[in-house]
Amino acid sequence: MEQDYLTVTQLTRYIKRKFDYDPYLERVFIKGEISNYNPKRRYAHQYFSIKDEGAKLSAVLFLKEQKNMTVELEEGMSVMAVGRLGVYEKTGSYQLYIDHIEPEGLGQLYAAYERTKKKLAEEGWFDQELKKPLIRFPKRIGIITSPSGAVIQDIQTTIKRRFPMVQLYLFPTMVQGDKAADSIVSSIQRADQRGDLDTLIVARGGGSFEDLFPFNEEKVALAIAKANTPIISSVGHETDTTLADLAADVRAATPTAAAELAVPVLLEELGKIDLTTQRLVQSMLAFLRHQKERVSRYEQSYVFRQPKRLYDGYNQTLDQVTTQLIRAMEDQVRESKQQSALLNQKLKAFDPTIRLHQAQTDIDRLTKQLTRATKQVISDQDKTINYLMQSLDHLSPLKVVDRGFSITRHDQQVVKSIDQVAENDAIDIFVSDGIIHAHVLSKDKQEES
């Protein structure tokens, strides 16, 4: 189906995202031979290839990275490059974006530099929070560099020209070779342990990456970072960045720049002092003039000429406030009297004597009503009882006996039929004045008419 098809752009962007998010392609180390290099594009972006016997890889070296290089690239040169792999969407090709490139022999040094840099950065030795501020007007400065060469001369000349009153202390140090790192660390520690130096300058002239490598060793960077004395680092050219530069409190592009950062210009500072003094004097004169004008205005004001006028307004305000206060108090007293009268009326309404009298009256009235109701109930009950007694008396069998009738019982039962008795049975005959005990002689059943 049509929706299952991808456009070329969609597919290329998908592949590009795969490259961009693959952690293994963010930083790759490639070695090979330079191909299709154009030396005429020395001051522009370079597009060439890195190849070996089996494959060729497109590479891009932007102008920014070229400026940090200390060697010239050539066609056919064996190099070691560090960078990331990405996809160029317009051509759909993948290529290496180079961060650093150098002849193959320096690859191990650069890899060691990268490992140490990453380790120290993760441990926080390059953090801005560790940086110490420089002393604005130092008295004593220690210089850690080689005693021979142009570096020490440039620093001394610059400092003496700018701030001649400062004292300089040179700590002769090896700045190149296998023993240079230990020498640098020893000089830093000796200078820092003095405790009377305001600033240290660690400096070296330009050179190749290999020449500057002692300043990329971990122990040198740690000695700089751990020092209590503020340190200015100036190692190599402006484009070189060593671990000593990253660990120092301040980095200078050149030894001369380091000297300029270490001390101010004395003549400029004296000029600033003179200018500040002039401004202070002018400010004080202006302040005194302003104060004199204020005093003069105050002396001419009516307060000093007619001081009583100062209280006229207050006296009038006091009278008004007093009148308002009296009125408010009178209103308050009047309102309190009204509330008191109202409360007295309410209190009389709740007088317990009146309420007791009313309650006693209610009790007497209810007692009379209860007595009448009770008598009426008793009378009604007497009438009912008499009526029931008369009705019961009318229904009593004794009344029947009194009229000449009798009741015959056999075995505690009233005889209603001759079938209930037999001959010679004992029977009891109840009459109005007693009981007749008899026996059945015979019985005749009466025919129904």
Protein backbone atom coordinates (compact mmCIF):
# COMPACT_ATOMS: atom_id res chain seq x y z
CA MET A 1 0.00 0.00 0.00
CA GLU A 2 1.09 3.57 -0.64
CA GLN A 3 1.34 4.51 3.06
CA ASP A 4 3.97 1.77 3.54
CA TYR A 5 6.45 3.65 1.35
CA LEU A 6 8.90 6.18 2.81
CA THR A 7 10.21 9.22 1.05
CA VAL A 8 13.94 9.52 0.57
CA THR A 9 13.99 12.40 3.07
CA GLN A 10 12.13 10.38 5.70
CA LEU A 11 14.45 7.41 5.33
CA THR A 12 17.57 9.60 5.39
CA ARG A 13 16.39 11.44 8.52
CA TYR A 14 15.65 8.11 10.20
CA ILE A 15 19.18 6.88 9.44
CA LYS A 16 20.63 10.23 10.62
CA ARG A 17 18.81 9.90 13.96
CA LYS A 18 20.26 6.42 14.34
CA PHE A 19 23.75 7.85 13.90
CA ASP A 20 23.10 10.83 16.18
CA TYR A 21 21.74 8.76 19.09
CA ASP A 22 24.20 5.87 18.88
CA PRO A 23 26.59 6.32 21.86
CA TYR A 24 29.31 4.34 20.07
CA LEU A 25 29.36 6.86 17.22
CA GLU A 26 29.49 10.02 19.36
CA ARG A 27 33.27 9.75 19.71
CA VAL A 28 35.32 7.45 17.50
CA PHE A 29 39.07 7.12 17.06
CA ILE A 30 40.11 6.54 13.44
CA LYS A 31 43.54 6.03 11.88
CA GLY A 32 44.34 5.90 8.20
CA GLU A 33 45.81 7.76 5.25
CA ILE A 34 44.65 11.19 4.04
CA SER A 35 43.19 11.21 0.52
CA ASN A 36 41.85 14.01 -1.71
CA TYR A 37 43.30 16.71 0.55
CA ASN A 38 43.42 20.23 -0.86
CA PRO A 39 46.16 22.34 0.81
CA LYS A 40 44.91 25.45 -1.00
CA ARG A 41 41.87 25.48 1.35
CA ARG A 42 44.13 26.21 4.31
CA TYR A 43 41.77 28.91 5.64
CA ALA A 44 38.44 27.22 4.82
CA HIS A 45 36.56 24.06 5.79
CA GLN A 46 38.39 20.96 4.55
CA TYR A 47 36.58 18.02 2.94
CA PHE A 48 38.72 14.93 2.31
CA SER A 49 38.86 11.18 2.96
CA ILE A 50 40.65 8.86 5.36
CA LYS A 51 41.33 5.45 3.84
CA ASP A 52 43.13 2.18 4.38
CA GLU A 53 43.54 -0.95 2.27
CA GLY A 54 39.90 -1.98 2.55
CA ALA A 55 37.72 1.14 2.82
CA LYS A 56 37.44 4.91 2.53
CA LEU A 57 35.68 7.28 4.95
CA SER A 58 34.54 10.84 4.11
CA ALA A 59 35.79 13.41 6.62
CA VAL A 60 35.09 17.06 7.43
CA LEU A 61 37.55 19.37 9.22
CA PHE A 62 35.96 22.71 10.03
CA LEU A 63 38.01 25.89 10.19
CA LYS A 64 37.52 26.17 13.96
CA GLU A 65 39.31 22.85 14.54
CA GLN A 66 42.02 23.73 11.98
CA LYS A 67 43.05 26.74 14.07
CA ASN A 68 43.90 24.45 17.00
CA MET A 69 46.24 22.28 14.92
CA THR A 70 50.01 22.49 15.37
CA VAL A 71 50.95 20.45 12.24
CA GLU A 72 50.19 20.81 8.56
CA LEU A 73 48.19 18.02 6.91
CA GLU A 74 49.44 16.56 3.66
CA GLU A 75 48.10 14.19 0.98
CA GLY A 76 48.95 10.61 1.88
CA MET A 77 49.86 11.42 5.53
CA SER A 78 49.09 8.70 8.08
CA VAL A 79 46.96 10.32 10.73
CA MET A 80 44.96 9.55 13.84
CA ALA A 81 41.63 11.41 14.04
CA VAL A 82 39.03 11.80 16.80
CA GLY A 83 35.46 12.85 16.05
CA ARG A 84 31.87 11.76 15.60
CA LEU A 85 30.06 9.97 12.78
CA GLY A 86 27.01 11.63 11.26
CA VAL A 87 24.87 11.64 8.13
CA TYR A 88 24.81 14.52 5.62
CA GLU A 89 21.17 14.52 4.54
CA LYS A 90 21.53 16.19 1.13
CA THR A 91 23.76 13.42 -0.24
CA GLY A 92 22.63 10.65 2.08
CA SER A 93 26.26 9.85 2.93
CA TYR A 94 27.85 9.33 6.32
CA GLN A 95 31.08 11.11 7.25
CA LEU A 96 33.47 11.78 10.11
CA TYR A 97 33.23 15.22 11.74
CA ILE A 98 36.78 15.69 13.06
CA ASP A 99 37.42 17.26 16.48
CA HIS A 100 41.14 16.54 16.53
CA ILE A 101 43.63 15.17 14.01
CA GLU A 102 47.39 14.64 14.17
CA PRO A 103 50.11 12.48 12.68
CA GLU A 104 49.84 8.84 13.71
CA GLY A 105 52.79 8.96 16.11
CA LEU A 106 51.00 11.38 18.48
CA GLY A 107 47.83 9.36 18.80
CA GLN A 108 48.74 7.62 22.04
CA LEU A 109 49.67 10.91 23.69
CA TYR A 110 46.41 12.49 22.66
CA ALA A 111 44.42 9.49 23.88
CA ALA A 112 46.20 9.74 27.24
CA TYR A 113 45.44 13.47 27.30
CA GLU A 114 41.74 12.81 26.67
CA ARG A 115 41.54 10.13 29.37
CA THR A 116 43.23 12.32 31.98
CA LYS A 117 41.11 15.33 31.01
CA LYS A 118 37.88 13.33 31.35
CA LYS A 119 38.94 11.84 34.70
CA LEU A 120 39.91 15.19 36.26
CA ALA A 121 36.76 16.86 34.92
CA GLU A 122 34.55 14.15 36.45
CA GLU A 123 36.37 14.55 39.79
CA GLY A 124 35.64 18.30 39.71
CA TRP A 125 39.21 19.65 39.54
CA PHE A 126 38.27 22.02 36.70
CA ASP A 127 35.11 23.37 38.37
CA GLN A 128 34.72 27.12 38.56
CA GLU A 129 34.01 26.89 42.30
CA LEU A 130 37.67 25.95 42.92
CA LYS A 131 39.05 29.01 41.11
CA LYS A 132 40.71 31.54 43.42
CA PRO A 133 40.61 35.27 42.64
CA LEU A 134 43.86 37.07 41.86
CA ILE A 135 45.32 39.62 44.27
CA ARG A 136 44.74 43.07 42.75
CA PHE A 137 47.98 44.61 44.06
CA PRO A 138 50.46 41.78 44.69
CA LYS A 139 53.70 42.36 46.57
CA ARG A 140 55.51 39.14 45.65
CA ILE A 141 55.04 36.96 42.56
CA GLY A 142 56.57 33.54 41.91
CA ILE A 143 57.46 32.55 38.34
CA ILE A 144 57.69 28.85 37.49
CA THR A 145 59.46 28.44 34.15
CA SER A 146 62.80 27.78 32.56
CA PRO A 147 65.50 30.26 33.65
CA SER A 148 66.66 30.54 30.06
CA GLY A 149 64.68 31.64 27.06
CA ALA A 150 62.37 34.46 26.14
CA VAL A 151 59.51 33.54 28.50
CA ILE A 152 61.15 34.73 31.73
CA GLN A 153 62.46 37.84 29.99
CA ASP A 154 59.00 38.74 28.66
CA ILE A 155 57.40 38.26 32.08
CA GLN A 156 60.04 40.24 33.95
CA THR A 157 60.06 43.08 31.43
CA THR A 158 56.27 43.37 31.40
CA ILE A 159 55.88 43.28 35.19
CA LYS A 160 58.69 45.78 35.85
CA ARG A 161 57.24 48.10 33.25
CA ARG A 162 53.72 47.91 34.61
CA PHE A 163 54.27 47.54 38.37
CA PRO A 164 57.98 47.95 39.27
CA MET A 165 57.46 47.77 43.03
CA VAL A 166 56.56 44.06 42.99
CA GLN A 167 59.18 41.46 43.96
CA LEU A 168 59.73 38.55 41.55
CA TYR A 169 60.91 35.09 42.62
CA LEU A 170 62.06 32.70 39.91
CA PHE A 171 61.75 28.95 40.50
CA PRO A 172 63.95 27.37 37.81
CA THR A 173 62.01 24.52 36.28
CA MET A 174 62.37 22.00 33.47
CA VAL A 175 59.51 22.56 31.04
CA GLN A 176 60.29 19.84 28.46
CA GLY A 177 61.37 16.23 28.55
CA ASP A 178 60.67 13.13 30.62
CA LYS A 179 61.59 14.79 33.95
CA ALA A 180 59.74 18.01 33.26
CA ALA A 181 56.49 16.97 35.00
CA ASP A 182 58.22 16.17 38.30
CA SER A 183 60.19 19.40 38.09
CA ILE A 184 57.01 21.43 37.51
CA VAL A 185 55.22 19.76 40.45
CA SER A 186 58.22 20.32 42.75
CA SER A 187 58.47 24.02 41.83
CA ILE A 188 54.73 24.59 42.38
CA GLN A 189 54.81 22.91 45.78
CA ARG A 190 57.94 24.80 46.89
CA ALA A 191 56.47 28.13 45.82
CA ASP A 192 53.09 27.41 47.42
CA GLN A 193 54.66 26.28 50.71
CA ARG A 194 56.44 29.64 51.15
CA GLY A 195 53.11 31.20 52.06
CA ASP A 196 54.23 34.76 51.32
CA LEU A 197 53.66 34.82 47.54
CA ASP A 198 50.52 36.52 46.29
CA THR A 199 50.49 35.00 42.78
CA LEU A 200 52.22 32.20 40.86
CA ILE A 201 52.79 32.21 37.09
CA VAL A 202 53.36 28.85 35.39
CA ALA A 203 54.64 29.60 31.88
CA ARG A 204 56.21 28.00 28.82
CA GLY A 205 56.66 29.06 25.21
CA GLY A 206 55.03 27.42 22.22
CA GLY A 207 55.79 23.95 20.91
CA SER A 208 54.29 20.79 19.54
CA PHE A 209 51.72 18.72 21.35
CA GLU A 210 54.47 16.32 22.37
CA ASP A 211 56.66 19.16 23.69
CA LEU A 212 53.80 20.52 25.83
CA PHE A 213 52.75 17.12 27.14
CA PRO A 214 54.38 17.48 30.62
CA PHE A 215 51.74 20.15 31.30
CA ASN A 216 49.05 17.58 30.40
CA GLU A 217 50.09 15.05 33.04
CA GLU A 218 47.69 14.41 35.91
CA LYS A 219 50.16 15.22 38.70
CA VAL A 220 50.89 18.66 37.24
CA ALA A 221 47.19 19.51 36.93
CA LEU A 222 46.50 18.31 40.49
CA ALA A 223 49.44 20.30 41.90
CA ILE A 224 48.03 23.45 40.29
CA ALA A 225 44.44 22.78 41.40
CA LYS A 226 45.43 21.97 45.01
CA ALA A 227 47.72 24.98 45.48
CA ASN A 228 46.58 27.63 47.97
CA THR A 229 48.23 30.44 46.01
CA PRO A 230 46.34 31.76 42.96
CA ILE A 231 48.00 30.48 39.76
CA ILE A 232 48.06 31.98 36.26
CA SER A 233 48.85 29.44 33.53
CA SER A 234 50.39 30.41 30.18
CA VAL A 235 51.54 27.31 28.30
CA GLY A 236 52.11 27.20 24.55
CA HIS A 237 50.37 29.34 22.00
CA GLU A 238 46.87 30.81 22.28
CA THR A 239 45.38 27.82 20.42
CA ASP A 240 46.98 25.28 22.78
CA THR A 241 44.90 24.18 25.76
CA THR A 242 46.68 22.03 28.33
CA LEU A 243 45.37 20.44 31.50
CA ALA A 244 47.50 22.94 33.41
CA ASP A 245 45.48 25.73 31.79
CA LEU A 246 42.19 24.07 32.77
CA ALA A 247 43.30 23.50 36.37
CA ALA A 248 44.73 27.00 36.89
CA ASP A 249 42.73 29.80 38.46
CA VAL A 250 43.31 32.02 35.41
CA ARG A 251 44.54 31.16 31.91
CA ALA A 252 46.57 33.60 29.81
CA ALA A 253 47.14 33.33 26.06
CA THR A 254 50.83 34.28 26.26
CA PRO A 255 53.46 34.83 28.98
CA THR A 256 53.18 38.58 28.37
CA ALA A 257 49.41 38.34 28.88
CA ALA A 258 50.02 36.40 32.11
CA ALA A 259 52.21 39.21 33.39
CA GLU A 260 49.56 41.75 32.46
CA LEU A 261 46.92 39.76 34.36
CA ALA A 262 49.17 39.43 37.40
CA VAL A 263 49.77 43.14 38.00
CA PRO A 264 48.03 46.41 37.19
CA VAL A 265 49.69 49.39 35.48
CA LEU A 266 51.15 51.56 38.22
CA LEU A 267 50.76 54.82 36.30
CA GLU A 268 47.15 53.97 35.54
CA GLU A 269 46.47 53.17 39.19
CA LEU A 270 48.15 56.40 40.31
CA GLY A 271 46.07 58.24 37.73
CA LYS A 272 42.96 56.55 39.09
CA ILE A 273 43.97 57.58 42.62
CA ASP A 274 44.50 61.19 41.49
CA LEU A 275 41.19 61.17 39.63
CA THR A 276 39.42 59.63 42.62
CA THR A 277 41.04 62.21 44.93
CA GLN A 278 39.91 65.04 42.66
CA ARG A 279 36.40 63.64 42.50
CA LEU A 280 36.35 63.21 46.28
CA VAL A 281 37.52 66.78 46.84
CA GLN A 282 35.01 68.11 44.33
CA SER A 283 32.29 66.02 45.91
CA MET A 284 33.13 67.27 49.40
CA LEU A 285 33.27 70.88 48.18
CA ALA A 286 29.89 70.45 46.48
CA PHE A 287 28.51 68.82 49.62
CA LEU A 288 29.76 71.67 51.83
CA ARG A 289 28.39 74.24 49.41
CA HIS A 290 25.04 72.49 49.40
CA GLN A 291 24.99 72.35 53.19
CA LYS A 292 25.85 76.05 53.46
CA GLU A 293 22.97 76.85 51.11
CA ARG A 294 20.63 74.75 53.25
CA VAL A 295 21.78 76.54 56.42
CA SER A 296 21.26 79.90 54.72
CA ARG A 297 17.74 78.90 53.65
CA TYR A 298 16.95 77.71 57.15
CA GLU A 299 18.19 80.98 58.66
CA GLN A 300 15.85 82.95 56.38
CA SER A 301 12.85 80.75 57.08
CA TYR A 302 9.96 82.02 59.27
CA VAL A 303 10.71 79.27 61.82
CA PHE A 304 13.79 81.10 63.00
CA ARG A 305 12.38 84.57 62.45
CA GLN A 306 8.97 83.90 64.07
CA PRO A 307 9.27 80.59 65.96
CA LYS A 308 5.77 80.95 67.48
CA ARG A 309 4.24 80.49 64.06
CA LEU A 310 5.59 76.97 64.14
CA TYR A 311 2.99 76.06 66.79
CA ASP A 312 -0.03 77.93 65.41
CA GLY A 313 -1.17 75.11 63.23
CA TYR A 314 -0.61 72.56 65.99
CA ASN A 315 -2.68 74.62 68.49
CA GLN A 316 -5.57 74.85 66.08
CA THR A 317 -5.38 71.15 65.34
CA LEU A 318 -5.29 70.43 69.10
CA ASP A 319 -8.49 72.45 69.62
CA GLN A 320 -10.25 70.60 66.84
CA VAL A 321 -9.15 67.22 68.15
CA THR A 322 -10.20 68.16 71.71
CA THR A 323 -13.68 69.21 70.53
CA GLN A 324 -14.06 66.00 68.55
CA LEU A 325 -12.96 63.99 71.59
CA ILE A 326 -15.54 65.67 73.88
CA ARG A 327 -18.29 65.05 71.35
CA ALA A 328 -17.29 61.48 70.97
CA MET A 329 -17.28 60.96 74.75
CA GLU A 330 -20.75 62.57 75.07
CA ASP A 331 -22.08 60.34 72.30
CA GLN A 332 -20.55 57.36 74.00
CA VAL A 333 -22.15 58.24 77.39
CA ARG A 334 -25.54 58.80 75.76
CA GLU A 335 -25.39 55.52 73.93
CA SER A 336 -24.34 53.75 77.16
CA LYS A 337 -27.37 55.18 78.99
CA GLN A 338 -29.70 54.01 76.24
CA GLN A 339 -28.21 50.54 76.34
CA SER A 340 -28.54 50.51 80.17
CA ALA A 341 -32.24 51.43 80.01
CA LEU A 342 -32.89 48.80 77.40
CA LEU A 343 -31.14 46.21 79.51
CA ASN A 344 -33.21 47.19 82.60
CA GLN A 345 -36.41 46.69 80.61
CA LYS A 346 -35.23 43.28 79.48
CA LEU A 347 -34.24 42.44 83.05
CA LYS A 348 -37.70 43.30 84.37
CA ALA A 349 -39.21 41.02 81.75
CA PHE A 350 -37.17 38.22 83.27
CA ASP A 351 -37.99 39.09 86.98
CA PRO A 352 -38.16 35.71 88.85
CA THR A 353 -40.93 36.94 91.26
CA ILE A 354 -43.25 37.58 88.33
CA ARG A 355 -42.33 34.30 86.74
CA LEU A 356 -42.92 32.43 90.08
CA HIS A 357 -46.34 34.05 90.53
CA GLN A 358 -47.30 33.10 87.00
CA ALA A 359 -46.07 29.57 87.59
CA GLN A 360 -48.09 29.26 90.83
CA THR A 361 -51.21 30.46 89.03
CA ASP A 362 -50.60 27.90 86.28
CA ILE A 363 -50.17 25.17 88.94
CA ASP A 364 -53.45 26.04 90.69
CA ARG A 365 -55.31 26.11 87.41
CA LEU A 366 -53.84 22.80 86.29
CA THR A 367 -54.58 21.25 89.75
CA LYS A 368 -58.22 22.19 89.48
CA GLN A 369 -58.38 20.83 85.96
CA LEU A 370 -56.74 17.61 87.13
CA THR A 371 -59.21 17.23 90.05
CA ARG A 372 -62.19 17.75 87.79
CA ALA A 373 -60.80 15.35 85.22
CA THR A 374 -60.07 12.76 87.91
CA LYS A 375 -63.59 12.98 89.35
CA GLN A 376 -65.08 12.72 85.90
CA VAL A 377 -62.97 9.64 85.13
CA ILE A 378 -64.01 7.99 88.44
CA SER A 379 -67.69 8.79 87.81
CA ASP A 380 -67.48 7.38 84.31
CA GLN A 381 -65.78 4.26 85.62
CA ASP A 382 -68.47 3.78 88.35
CA LYS A 383 -71.23 3.99 85.75
CA THR A 384 -69.44 1.51 83.54
CA ILE A 385 -68.93 -0.94 86.44
CA ASN A 386 -72.57 -0.71 87.51
CA TYR A 387 -73.73 -1.31 83.97
CA LEU A 388 -71.43 -4.32 83.62
CA MET A 389 -72.55 -5.70 87.01
CA GLN A 390 -76.17 -5.43 86.02
CA SER A 391 -75.51 -7.09 82.71
CA LEU A 392 -73.59 -9.84 84.45
CA ASP A 393 -76.32 -10.25 87.04
CA HIS A 394 -78.91 -10.66 84.28
CA LEU A 395 -76.83 -13.40 82.71
CA SER A 396 -76.13 -15.22 85.99
CA PRO A 397 -77.62 -18.79 86.23
CA LEU A 398 -78.55 -18.03 89.80
CA LYS A 399 -81.19 -15.65 88.60
CA VAL A 400 -82.69 -18.45 86.52
CA VAL A 401 -82.79 -20.70 89.60
CA ASP A 402 -84.47 -17.95 91.63
CA ARG A 403 -87.34 -17.98 89.14
CA GLY A 404 -88.09 -21.72 89.93
CA PHE A 405 -85.74 -23.44 87.55
CA SER A 406 -83.02 -25.92 88.60
CA ILE A 407 -79.68 -27.07 87.23
CA THR A 408 -78.77 -30.77 87.07
CA ARG A 409 -75.11 -31.82 87.10
CA HIS A 410 -73.55 -35.22 86.63
CA ASP A 411 -69.86 -35.77 87.03
CA GLN A 412 -69.32 -31.99 87.40
CA GLN A 413 -71.08 -31.35 84.08
CA VAL A 414 -74.40 -29.70 83.40
CA VAL A 415 -76.90 -32.27 82.10
CA LYS A 416 -78.47 -31.01 78.93
CA SER A 417 -79.61 -34.33 77.47
CA ILE A 418 -80.88 -37.62 78.85
CA ASP A 419 -78.10 -39.28 76.90
CA GLN A 420 -75.62 -37.91 79.43
CA VAL A 421 -76.97 -40.09 82.26
CA ALA A 422 -78.01 -43.69 82.80
CA GLU A 423 -80.27 -45.43 85.31
CA ASN A 424 -78.97 -45.43 88.88
CA ASP A 425 -76.51 -42.60 88.10
CA ALA A 426 -76.01 -40.15 90.96
CA ILE A 427 -76.94 -36.61 90.01
CA ASP A 428 -76.97 -33.21 91.80
CA ILE A 429 -79.91 -30.86 91.36
CA PHE A 430 -79.23 -27.21 92.12
CA VAL A 431 -82.26 -25.18 93.30
CA SER A 432 -82.45 -21.64 94.71
CA ASP A 433 -81.91 -22.63 98.30
CA GLY A 434 -79.67 -25.71 98.04
CA ILE A 435 -78.64 -28.98 96.30
CA ILE A 436 -80.69 -32.17 95.97
CA HIS A 437 -78.72 -35.40 95.70
CA ALA A 438 -80.66 -38.07 93.74
CA HIS A 439 -80.38 -41.19 91.57
CA VAL A 440 -81.86 -41.76 88.12
CA LEU A 441 -84.67 -44.28 88.38
CA SER A 442 -85.55 -44.22 84.71
CA LYS A 443 -85.53 -41.85 81.73
CA ASP A 444 -87.91 -41.18 78.93
CA LYS A 445 -86.79 -39.47 75.79
CA GLN A 446 -89.17 -36.80 74.56
CA GLU A 447 -90.18 -36.98 70.96
CA GLU A 448 -89.47 -33.87 68.90
CA SER A 449 -92.64 -32.20 67.74
